């Protein structure tokens, strides 16, 4: 991959990942990420589509589509994770305790560990674990979106 192809790849990754990250932040729309991080797959697909459109003279390899989609998923998840962490870190421990007691009202069988998980340093550890899981799923989802985008683009070229 030469310098201009590399630049267009990173540009595509940043655009697709940013779109995925922003769509993941928007209320109601963010619920679609419950379906295997759907916005990360869309961002990966968008990244590959943009890369293929910018480099029409070169056939995109499957590994390049996988890498572009996966890195788009990483960038989108990073944007989403940074926003969520910033939002959660601004909530005081008292508000988390109030949320835990509210959870116990609706779910009386909730374990005490869950309530303590939402307080103090446990929350940061929980967030890091959750973020690692989200990142893993975002990488897979973005890569799948990239492969799907490549396969649809190949079908359009054949027609």
Protein backbone atom coordinates (compact mmCIF):
# COMPACT_ATOMS: atom_id res chain seq x y z
CA UNK A 1 0.00 0.00 0.00
CA UNK A 2 1.56 3.31 -1.05
CA UNK A 3 1.37 6.64 0.80
CA UNK A 4 -1.75 8.02 -0.89
CA UNK A 5 -3.61 4.72 -0.44
CA UNK A 6 -2.60 4.67 3.22
CA UNK A 7 -3.82 8.25 3.70
CA UNK A 8 -7.14 7.47 2.02
CA UNK A 9 -7.48 4.37 4.22
CA UNK A 10 -6.98 6.38 7.42
CA UNK A 11 -9.30 9.11 6.16
CA UNK A 12 -11.98 6.49 5.47
CA UNK A 13 -11.45 4.91 8.90
CA UNK A 14 -11.77 8.27 10.66
CA UNK A 15 -14.94 9.21 8.76
CA UNK A 16 -16.64 5.82 9.21
CA UNK A 17 -15.56 5.47 12.85
CA UNK A 18 -16.61 9.01 13.72
CA UNK A 19 -20.02 8.45 12.13
CA UNK A 20 -20.42 5.22 14.12
CA UNK A 21 -19.30 6.86 17.36
CA UNK A 22 -21.64 9.82 16.98
CA UNK A 23 -24.62 7.65 16.04
CA UNK A 24 -23.86 5.52 19.11
CA UNK A 25 -24.17 8.57 21.36
CA UNK A 26 -27.55 9.82 20.07
CA UNK A 27 -30.40 8.74 22.38
CA UNK A 28 -32.80 6.17 20.94
CA UNK A 29 -30.47 5.56 17.96
CA UNK A 30 -27.86 4.22 20.37
CA UNK A 31 -30.21 1.36 21.23
CA UNK A 32 -29.38 -0.19 17.84
CA UNK A 33 -25.94 -1.01 19.25
CA UNK A 34 -27.67 -3.62 21.37
CA UNK A 35 -27.82 -5.67 18.17
CA UNK A 36 -24.15 -6.67 17.96
CA UNK A 37 -22.88 -3.07 17.92
CA UNK A 38 -24.80 -2.29 14.73
CA UNK A 39 -23.47 1.26 14.35
CA UNK A 40 -19.90 -0.05 14.43
CA UNK A 41 -20.77 -2.41 11.58
CA UNK A 42 -22.32 0.49 9.66
CA UNK A 43 -19.18 2.57 10.32
CA UNK A 44 -16.95 -0.27 9.11
CA UNK A 45 -19.07 -0.63 5.99
CA UNK A 46 -18.97 3.10 5.35
CA UNK A 47 -15.19 3.13 5.76
CA UNK A 48 -14.72 0.36 3.20
CA UNK A 49 -17.20 1.96 0.81
CA UNK A 50 -15.36 5.29 1.01
CA UNK A 51 -11.99 3.58 0.57
CA UNK A 52 -13.18 1.67 -2.48
CA UNK A 53 -14.74 4.80 -3.97
CA UNK A 54 -11.53 6.78 -3.50
CA UNK A 55 -9.30 4.04 -4.94
CA UNK A 56 -11.34 2.87 -7.92
CA UNK A 57 -8.22 1.89 -9.85
CA UNK A 58 -7.17 -0.67 -7.22
CA UNK A 59 -9.06 -3.78 -6.16
CA UNK A 60 -9.42 -3.86 -2.39
CA UNK A 61 -8.15 -7.06 -0.80
CA UNK A 62 -10.29 -8.88 1.74
CA UNK A 63 -7.65 -8.33 4.43
CA UNK A 64 -7.67 -4.58 3.73
CA UNK A 65 -11.47 -4.52 4.04
CA UNK A 66 -11.24 -6.45 7.33
CA UNK A 67 -8.55 -4.13 8.69
CA UNK A 68 -10.34 -0.96 7.59
CA UNK A 69 -13.63 -2.09 9.11
CA UNK A 70 -11.98 -3.29 12.34
CA UNK A 71 -10.04 -0.04 12.83
CA UNK A 72 -13.21 1.92 12.14
CA UNK A 73 -14.86 -0.10 14.92
CA UNK A 74 -11.96 0.73 17.26
CA UNK A 75 -12.27 4.45 16.51
CA UNK A 76 -16.07 4.47 16.83
CA UNK A 77 -15.95 2.57 20.13
CA UNK A 78 -13.27 4.95 21.43
CA UNK A 79 -15.50 7.96 20.70
CA UNK A 80 -18.51 6.27 22.30
CA UNK A 81 -16.50 5.07 25.31
CA UNK A 82 -14.96 8.49 25.91
CA UNK A 83 -18.39 10.11 25.87
CA UNK A 84 -19.91 7.54 28.24
CA UNK A 85 -16.94 7.70 30.62
CA UNK A 86 -17.09 11.50 30.69
CA UNK A 87 -20.84 11.43 31.35
CA UNK A 88 -20.55 8.80 34.10
CA UNK A 89 -17.56 10.43 35.78
CA UNK A 90 -19.58 13.61 36.32
CA UNK A 91 -22.19 11.76 38.38
CA UNK A 92 -21.57 11.95 42.12
CA UNK A 93 -21.36 8.80 44.29
CA UNK A 94 -24.53 9.97 46.07
CA UNK A 95 -26.46 9.90 42.80
CA UNK A 96 -25.15 6.41 42.08
CA UNK A 97 -26.29 5.30 45.54
CA UNK A 98 -29.72 6.78 44.83
CA UNK A 99 -29.83 4.92 41.50
CA UNK A 100 -28.91 1.68 43.28
CA UNK A 101 -31.71 2.13 45.81
CA UNK A 102 -34.12 2.86 42.96
CA UNK A 103 -33.03 -0.38 41.30
CA UNK A 104 -33.76 -2.26 44.53
CA UNK A 105 -37.27 -0.74 44.50
CA UNK A 106 -38.03 -2.17 41.07
CA UNK A 107 -35.92 -5.32 41.43
CA UNK A 108 -36.09 -6.41 45.09
CA UNK A 109 -34.03 -9.52 44.42
CA UNK A 110 -31.08 -7.53 43.09
CA UNK A 111 -27.89 -8.63 44.77
CA UNK A 112 -26.00 -6.26 47.05
CA UNK A 113 -22.89 -6.72 44.90
CA UNK A 114 -24.61 -5.02 41.99
CA UNK A 115 -25.49 -2.03 44.16
CA UNK A 116 -21.91 -1.73 45.44
CA UNK A 117 -20.62 -2.15 41.91
CA UNK A 118 -22.19 1.18 41.00
CA UNK A 119 -20.17 3.06 43.62
CA UNK A 120 -16.63 4.41 43.78
CA UNK A 121 -13.63 2.62 42.31
CA UNK A 122 -15.73 -0.45 41.52
CA UNK A 123 -17.51 1.59 38.88
CA UNK A 124 -14.23 2.42 37.12
CA UNK A 125 -13.17 -1.23 37.10
CA UNK A 126 -16.61 -2.24 35.83
CA UNK A 127 -16.48 0.43 33.13
CA UNK A 128 -13.03 -0.72 31.97
CA UNK A 129 -14.21 -4.31 31.76
CA UNK A 130 -17.34 -3.27 29.89
CA UNK A 131 -15.29 -1.03 27.58
CA UNK A 132 -12.92 -3.91 26.77
CA UNK A 133 -15.89 -6.11 25.90
CA UNK A 134 -17.45 -3.34 23.79
CA UNK A 135 -14.12 -2.80 22.01
CA UNK A 136 -13.81 -6.50 21.21
CA UNK A 137 -17.34 -6.67 19.81
CA UNK A 138 -16.83 -3.37 17.93
CA UNK A 139 -13.72 -4.73 16.22
CA UNK A 140 -15.56 -7.86 15.10
CA UNK A 141 -18.64 -5.89 14.08
CA UNK A 142 -16.64 -3.27 12.16
CA UNK A 143 -14.69 -5.99 10.36
CA UNK A 144 -17.92 -7.77 9.39
CA UNK A 145 -19.37 -4.48 8.18
CA UNK A 146 -16.26 -3.93 6.07
CA UNK A 147 -16.49 -7.40 4.50
CA UNK A 148 -20.19 -6.99 3.79
CA UNK A 149 -19.58 -3.58 2.21
CA UNK A 150 -16.83 -5.04 0.02
CA UNK A 151 -19.03 -7.92 -1.11
CA UNK A 152 -21.92 -5.58 -2.00
CA UNK A 153 -19.53 -3.34 -3.94
CA UNK A 154 -18.24 -6.35 -5.87
CA UNK A 155 -21.80 -7.36 -6.79
CA UNK A 156 -22.49 -3.84 -8.08
CA UNK A 157 -19.33 -3.95 -10.24
CA UNK A 158 -20.39 -7.30 -11.73
CA UNK A 159 -23.77 -5.91 -12.85
